[in-house]
Amino acid sequence: MGKKVTVVGAGFYGSTTAQRLAEYDVFDTVVITDIIEGKPEGIALDLNQSRPVEGFETRVVGVTTGKNGEGYEQLEGSDVVVITAGLPRKPGMSRMDLLETNARIVRQVAENVAKYAPNAVVIVVSNPLDEMTALAQIATQFPRNRVLGQAGMLDTARFTNFVAEALGVQVGSVRTLTLGSHGDTMVPVPSRSTVDGKPLRDVMPAEQIEELVVRTRNGGAEVVALLKTGSAYYAPSAAAARMARAVATDSGEVMPVCAWVDGEFGISGVYLGVEAEIGREGVRRIVETPLDADEIDSLKAAAEAVRAKQGDIANM
């Protein structure tokens, strides 16, 4: 039986994710769903007509879903489900401002995923990310390794891009890392960051690194403020699609993701941004990245901040 991935939500984020997943040509089918009648079908038709140009065989299927679960049967047999559903941020909004509205949406989606795709790995991208990932696991009742969130991949990409631009070097020569939460307690990790193999701290002054850390932490808000309507989707969709591909191909790639931490770094019982080995079953294992003492302290502080918020969402 061929591989199948479903993207829930056909906004800019969802449709771009579906496009990337189709163009990888590692899936037989990409399903894209939305509550706006005809929108996912139209996107699917358009994407399928790009196949002869781009040279991929993956078939895209669009499905309108209803408030009572209509259409979700199309998720059946999905190996991966990417949940992008929810409202995007507007200028001046924090990710937490979306909590109550998006919690209702994500819970309904997650319950339908559990009903129709009980063996899927779920990748959550809805904001606020850490809380929505925890909620998706509660609503699906899936093993925690099969529910993860996309955050660190995106934040690391932003940090890498900012460093490359600041130094005028190719992005391929830069390696950075961000852990912690997708928000105010994000933990960029300069000690694990290099340029052409040299430690970042040896090629960039501490004040400039700190400026780029702050810019990375506010990376999403910077895009939102410029767009004025909607939020980022090119970089976020690239990150989510890579995670889905790692699951589908059972690649074992190590990626920074939002995953359940249970003892690693001295932290337990919380979804948090860490490095993890990704495969067919979702998170194979958490990678305990060597960190400086202050970075571990920041990670623990992020865990406690996230834990408090995740405790509030169980009944949403």
Protein backbone atom coordinates (compact mmCIF):
# COMPACT_ATOMS: atom_id res chain seq x y z
CA MET A 1 0.00 0.00 0.00
CA GLY A 2 1.33 3.43 -0.94
CA LYS A 3 2.27 6.19 1.45
CA LYS A 4 -0.35 8.81 2.24
CA VAL A 5 -0.11 12.16 3.98
CA THR A 6 -2.95 14.50 4.92
CA VAL A 7 -2.61 18.25 5.43
CA VAL A 8 -5.50 19.69 7.46
CA GLY A 9 -6.08 23.31 6.51
CA ALA A 10 -5.80 24.78 3.02
CA GLY A 11 -4.61 28.27 3.89
CA PHE A 12 -1.25 29.56 2.66
CA TYR A 13 0.60 27.34 5.16
CA GLY A 14 -1.37 24.20 4.38
CA SER A 15 -1.44 24.59 0.61
CA THR A 16 2.28 25.32 0.44
CA THR A 17 3.00 22.31 2.66
CA ALA A 18 0.88 20.13 0.37
CA GLN A 19 2.76 21.43 -2.66
CA ARG A 20 6.15 20.65 -1.12
CA LEU A 21 5.03 17.16 -0.05
CA ALA A 22 3.68 16.40 -3.53
CA GLU A 23 6.84 17.63 -5.24
CA TYR A 24 9.02 15.40 -3.06
CA ASP A 25 7.38 12.49 -4.91
CA VAL A 26 7.78 10.11 -1.94
CA PHE A 27 4.03 9.80 -1.30
CA ASP A 28 1.41 8.17 -3.48
CA THR A 29 -1.26 10.56 -2.22
CA VAL A 30 -1.41 13.97 -0.57
CA VAL A 31 -4.83 14.85 0.86
CA ILE A 32 -5.59 18.48 1.66
CA THR A 33 -8.70 19.43 3.63
CA ASP A 34 -10.49 22.64 4.57
CA ILE A 35 -13.85 23.82 5.86
CA ILE A 36 -14.25 26.32 3.00
CA GLU A 37 -16.26 24.49 0.38
CA GLY A 38 -14.39 23.86 -2.86
CA LYS A 39 -11.12 25.46 -1.76
CA PRO A 40 -9.16 22.23 -1.14
CA GLU A 41 -10.59 20.66 -4.29
CA GLY A 42 -9.50 23.66 -6.32
CA ILE A 43 -5.99 23.62 -4.85
CA ALA A 44 -5.73 19.88 -5.53
CA LEU A 45 -6.82 20.33 -9.14
CA ASP A 46 -4.28 23.10 -9.63
CA LEU A 47 -1.45 21.11 -8.02
CA ASN A 48 -2.24 18.01 -10.06
CA GLN A 49 -2.00 20.07 -13.24
CA SER A 50 1.53 21.08 -12.23
CA ARG A 51 2.67 17.43 -12.24
CA PRO A 52 3.68 17.30 -15.92
CA VAL A 53 5.72 20.49 -15.51
CA GLU A 54 7.48 19.57 -12.27
CA GLY A 55 7.69 15.87 -13.06
CA PHE A 56 6.15 14.26 -9.99
CA GLU A 57 3.55 11.47 -9.81
CA THR A 58 2.06 12.06 -6.35
CA ARG A 59 -1.68 12.59 -6.65
CA VAL A 60 -3.28 15.42 -4.67
CA VAL A 61 -6.85 15.02 -3.37
CA GLY A 62 -8.88 17.93 -1.99
CA VAL A 63 -11.68 17.41 0.54
CA THR A 64 -14.13 19.85 2.13
CA THR A 65 -14.81 18.91 5.76
CA GLY A 66 -17.90 19.70 7.83
CA LYS A 67 -18.51 20.67 11.45
CA ASN A 68 -19.86 17.20 12.21
CA GLY A 69 -16.85 15.37 10.82
CA GLU A 70 -18.01 15.07 7.23
CA GLY A 71 -15.14 14.45 4.82
CA TYR A 72 -12.65 13.31 7.44
CA GLU A 73 -13.05 9.71 6.27
CA GLN A 74 -10.62 10.70 3.50
CA LEU A 75 -7.87 10.64 6.16
CA GLU A 76 -8.15 6.86 6.34
CA GLY A 77 -4.80 5.15 5.84
CA SER A 78 -2.73 8.31 6.34
CA ASP A 79 0.82 7.65 7.52
CA VAL A 80 1.26 11.29 8.51
CA VAL A 81 -1.23 14.06 9.31
CA VAL A 82 -0.04 17.67 9.38
CA ILE A 83 -2.41 19.93 11.33
CA THR A 84 -2.18 23.52 10.09
CA ALA A 85 -5.80 24.42 10.90
CA GLY A 86 -6.42 27.51 12.98
CA LEU A 87 -6.33 31.27 12.74
CA PRO A 88 -3.05 33.00 11.84
CA ARG A 89 -1.68 35.90 13.84
CA LYS A 90 -2.43 39.50 13.02
CA PRO A 91 -0.03 42.39 13.71
CA GLY A 92 0.27 43.00 17.45
CA MET A 93 -1.04 39.55 18.38
CA SER A 94 1.04 37.07 20.31
CA ARG A 95 0.86 33.34 19.66
CA MET A 96 -0.92 32.98 23.01
CA ASP A 97 -3.72 35.31 21.85
CA LEU A 98 -4.83 32.48 19.57
CA LEU A 99 -5.07 29.91 22.36
CA GLU A 100 -8.80 29.55 22.98
CA THR A 101 -9.96 29.79 19.36
CA ASN A 102 -7.35 27.44 17.97
CA ALA A 103 -7.78 24.98 20.85
CA ARG A 104 -11.38 24.33 19.75
CA ILE A 105 -10.29 23.82 16.15
CA VAL A 106 -7.31 21.59 16.94
CA ARG A 107 -9.31 19.41 19.36
CA GLN A 108 -12.00 18.73 16.74
CA VAL A 109 -9.39 17.94 14.08
CA ALA A 110 -7.41 15.70 16.43
CA GLU A 111 -10.50 13.71 17.43
CA ASN A 112 -11.25 13.04 13.74
CA VAL A 113 -7.63 12.06 13.11
CA ALA A 114 -7.90 9.50 15.92
CA LYS A 115 -11.14 8.17 14.43
CA TYR A 116 -10.01 7.80 10.83
CA ALA A 117 -6.20 7.59 10.93
CA PRO A 118 -5.44 5.81 14.22
CA ASN A 119 -1.94 4.76 13.15
CA ALA A 120 -0.77 8.14 11.85
CA VAL A 121 2.06 10.28 13.11
CA VAL A 122 0.67 13.76 13.82
CA ILE A 123 2.72 16.91 13.16
CA VAL A 124 1.16 20.02 14.69
CA VAL A 125 1.94 23.48 13.37
CA SER A 126 -1.04 25.46 14.75
CA ASN A 127 -0.22 28.24 17.22
CA PRO A 128 0.45 28.53 20.09
CA LEU A 129 2.57 25.58 19.03
CA ASP A 130 3.67 23.95 22.28
CA GLU A 131 0.18 24.08 23.76
CA MET A 132 -1.54 22.85 20.58
CA THR A 133 0.88 19.90 20.35
CA ALA A 134 0.02 18.88 23.91
CA LEU A 135 -3.69 19.30 23.18
CA ALA A 136 -3.47 17.17 20.02
CA GLN A 137 -1.92 14.34 22.03
CA ILE A 138 -4.61 14.58 24.70
CA ALA A 139 -7.40 14.63 22.10
CA THR A 140 -6.03 11.75 20.01
CA GLN A 141 -4.79 9.71 22.97
CA PHE A 142 -1.96 8.60 20.68
CA PRO A 143 1.37 7.50 22.17
CA ARG A 144 3.34 10.68 22.80
CA ASN A 145 6.08 9.73 20.36
CA ARG A 146 3.50 9.87 17.54
CA VAL A 147 2.48 13.48 18.21
CA LEU A 148 5.08 16.19 17.68
CA GLY A 149 5.20 19.86 16.80
CA GLN A 150 7.03 21.89 14.21
CA ALA A 151 8.92 24.76 15.81
CA GLY A 152 12.65 24.20 16.20
CA MET A 153 13.11 23.40 12.50
CA LEU A 154 11.65 26.79 11.59
CA ASP A 155 13.36 28.78 14.35
CA THR A 156 16.71 27.15 13.56
CA ALA A 157 16.28 27.99 9.88
CA ARG A 158 15.60 31.63 10.78
CA PHE A 159 18.65 31.79 13.05
CA THR A 160 20.82 30.19 10.35
CA ASN A 161 19.60 32.61 7.70
CA PHE A 162 20.19 35.66 9.92
CA VAL A 163 23.75 34.52 10.73
CA ALA A 164 24.55 33.84 7.06
CA GLU A 165 23.21 37.23 5.99
CA ALA A 166 25.06 39.07 8.77
CA LEU A 167 28.38 37.44 7.82
CA GLY A 168 27.80 37.46 4.06
CA VAL A 169 28.37 33.70 3.74
CA GLN A 170 26.40 30.87 2.15
CA VAL A 171 23.60 29.47 4.28
CA GLY A 172 25.00 25.97 3.67
CA SER A 173 28.15 26.89 5.60
CA VAL A 174 26.19 27.83 8.74
CA ARG A 175 24.88 25.45 11.40
CA THR A 176 22.71 26.79 14.22
CA LEU A 177 20.23 25.35 16.70
CA THR A 178 17.22 26.59 18.65
CA LEU A 179 15.47 24.67 21.41
CA GLY A 180 12.92 25.50 24.13
CA SER A 181 9.52 26.89 23.24
CA HIS A 182 8.16 28.42 20.06
CA GLY A 183 7.82 31.86 21.59
CA ASP A 184 9.18 34.03 24.37
CA THR A 185 11.19 31.23 26.00
CA MET A 186 12.87 30.08 22.79
CA VAL A 187 16.45 28.99 23.48
CA PRO A 188 18.85 29.64 20.58
CA VAL A 189 22.04 27.68 21.23
CA PRO A 190 25.20 29.56 20.21
CA SER A 191 27.44 26.86 21.73
CA ARG A 192 26.20 24.41 19.05
CA SER A 193 26.40 26.93 16.20
CA THR A 194 29.21 27.04 13.65
CA VAL A 195 30.28 28.82 10.48
CA ASP A 196 32.46 26.73 8.14
CA GLY A 197 33.02 24.45 11.12
CA LYS A 198 34.28 27.27 13.35
CA PRO A 199 32.35 28.12 16.54
CA LEU A 200 29.97 31.02 15.97
CA ARG A 201 31.41 32.76 19.04
CA ASP A 202 34.81 32.85 17.31
CA VAL A 203 33.54 34.63 14.19
CA MET A 204 30.87 36.96 15.57
CA PRO A 205 30.90 39.30 18.59
CA ALA A 206 28.69 38.32 21.53
CA GLU A 207 26.51 41.45 21.18
CA GLN A 208 25.76 40.69 17.54
CA ILE A 209 24.92 37.06 18.37
CA GLU A 210 22.51 38.32 21.01
CA GLU A 211 20.88 40.69 18.47
CA LEU A 212 20.32 37.77 16.10
CA VAL A 213 18.99 35.62 18.95
CA VAL A 214 16.40 38.29 19.72
CA ARG A 215 15.54 38.65 16.03
CA THR A 216 15.10 34.87 15.76
CA ARG A 217 12.82 34.85 18.80
CA ASN A 218 10.70 37.54 17.13
CA GLY A 219 11.05 36.05 13.64
CA GLY A 220 7.38 35.28 13.13
CA ALA A 221 6.22 38.65 14.44
CA GLU A 222 8.61 40.43 12.06
CA VAL A 223 6.99 38.70 9.08
CA VAL A 224 3.47 39.33 10.40
CA ALA A 225 4.19 43.04 10.86
CA LEU A 226 5.43 43.33 7.26
CA LEU A 227 2.63 41.30 5.66
CA LYS A 228 -0.06 43.04 7.77
CA THR A 229 -2.52 40.26 6.86
CA GLY A 230 -1.59 36.65 7.54
CA SER A 231 1.65 35.16 8.76
CA ALA A 232 4.72 33.32 7.48
CA TYR A 233 4.24 30.19 5.41
CA TYR A 234 7.17 29.56 3.03
CA ALA A 235 9.74 28.75 5.74
CA PRO A 236 7.23 27.11 8.11
CA SER A 237 5.87 24.84 5.36
CA ALA A 238 9.40 23.84 4.35
CA ALA A 239 10.08 22.82 7.96
CA ALA A 240 6.83 20.85 8.37
CA ALA A 241 7.24 19.09 5.02
CA ARG A 242 10.78 17.96 5.89
CA MET A 243 9.50 16.48 9.14
CA ALA A 244 6.72 14.63 7.31
CA ARG A 245 9.20 13.28 4.78
CA ALA A 246 11.50 12.05 7.58
CA VAL A 247 8.56 10.10 9.03
CA ALA A 248 7.44 8.67 5.69
CA THR A 249 10.92 7.57 4.67
CA ASP A 250 11.87 6.38 8.17
CA SER A 251 15.04 8.42 7.74
CA GLY A 252 16.26 8.65 11.34
CA GLU A 253 17.22 12.30 10.76
CA VAL A 254 17.94 14.33 13.87
CA MET A 255 15.81 17.48 13.88
CA PRO A 256 14.86 20.14 16.42
CA VAL A 257 11.14 19.55 17.08
CA CYS A 258 8.55 19.93 19.82
CA ALA A 259 8.55 16.51 21.47
CA TRP A 260 7.58 14.89 24.77
CA VAL A 261 10.50 15.07 27.18
CA ASP A 262 10.61 12.53 29.98
CA GLY A 263 13.85 12.70 31.93
CA GLU A 264 16.21 14.15 29.34
CA PHE A 265 18.17 17.25 30.46
CA GLY A 266 16.67 16.66 33.92
CA ILE A 267 13.24 17.69 32.54
CA SER A 268 10.14 15.48 32.66
CA GLY A 269 6.49 15.47 31.63
CA VAL A 270 6.28 18.28 29.07
CA TYR A 271 6.26 18.97 25.34
CA LEU A 272 9.37 21.02 24.59
CA GLY A 273 11.66 21.99 21.73
CA VAL A 274 14.54 19.49 21.68
CA GLU A 275 16.53 17.57 19.10
CA ALA A 276 15.00 14.22 18.23
CA GLU A 277 15.61 11.32 15.88
CA ILE A 278 12.62 11.10 13.53
CA GLY A 279 11.34 7.94 11.85
CA ARG A 280 8.24 5.98 10.94
CA GLU A 281 6.99 5.91 14.52
CA GLY A 282 7.49 9.65 14.97
CA VAL A 283 10.07 10.41 17.64
CA ARG A 284 12.43 7.45 17.99
CA ARG A 285 14.40 9.07 20.79
CA ILE A 286 15.28 12.46 22.25
CA VAL A 287 18.89 13.47 21.56
CA GLU A 288 20.50 15.02 24.62
CA THR A 289 22.49 17.68 22.84
CA PRO A 290 25.56 18.80 24.82
CA LEU A 291 24.70 22.26 26.12
CA ASP A 292 26.41 24.92 28.22
CA ALA A 293 25.21 25.26 31.80
CA ASP A 294 23.41 28.54 31.05
CA GLU A 295 21.72 26.97 28.02
CA ILE A 296 20.47 24.06 30.14
CA ASP A 297 19.16 26.57 32.69
CA SER A 298 17.32 28.41 29.90
CA LEU A 299 15.90 25.12 28.61
CA LYS A 300 14.64 24.22 32.09
CA ALA A 301 13.10 27.68 32.46
CA ALA A 302 11.38 27.24 29.09
CA ALA A 303 10.08 23.85 30.20
CA GLU A 304 8.49 25.33 33.32
CA ALA A 305 6.91 28.21 31.37
CA VAL A 306 5.50 25.79 28.80
CA ARG A 307 4.39 23.30 31.48
CA ALA A 308 2.23 25.94 33.16
CA LYS A 309 0.49 26.80 29.88
CA GLN A 310 0.11 23.18 28.76
CA GLY A 311 -1.61 22.42 32.04
CA ASP A 312 -4.35 24.92 31.10
CA ILE A 313 -5.32 23.31 27.80
CA ALA A 314 -6.41 19.84 28.91
CA ASN A 315 -10.04 20.92 29.32
CA MET A 316 -10.23 23.20 26.26
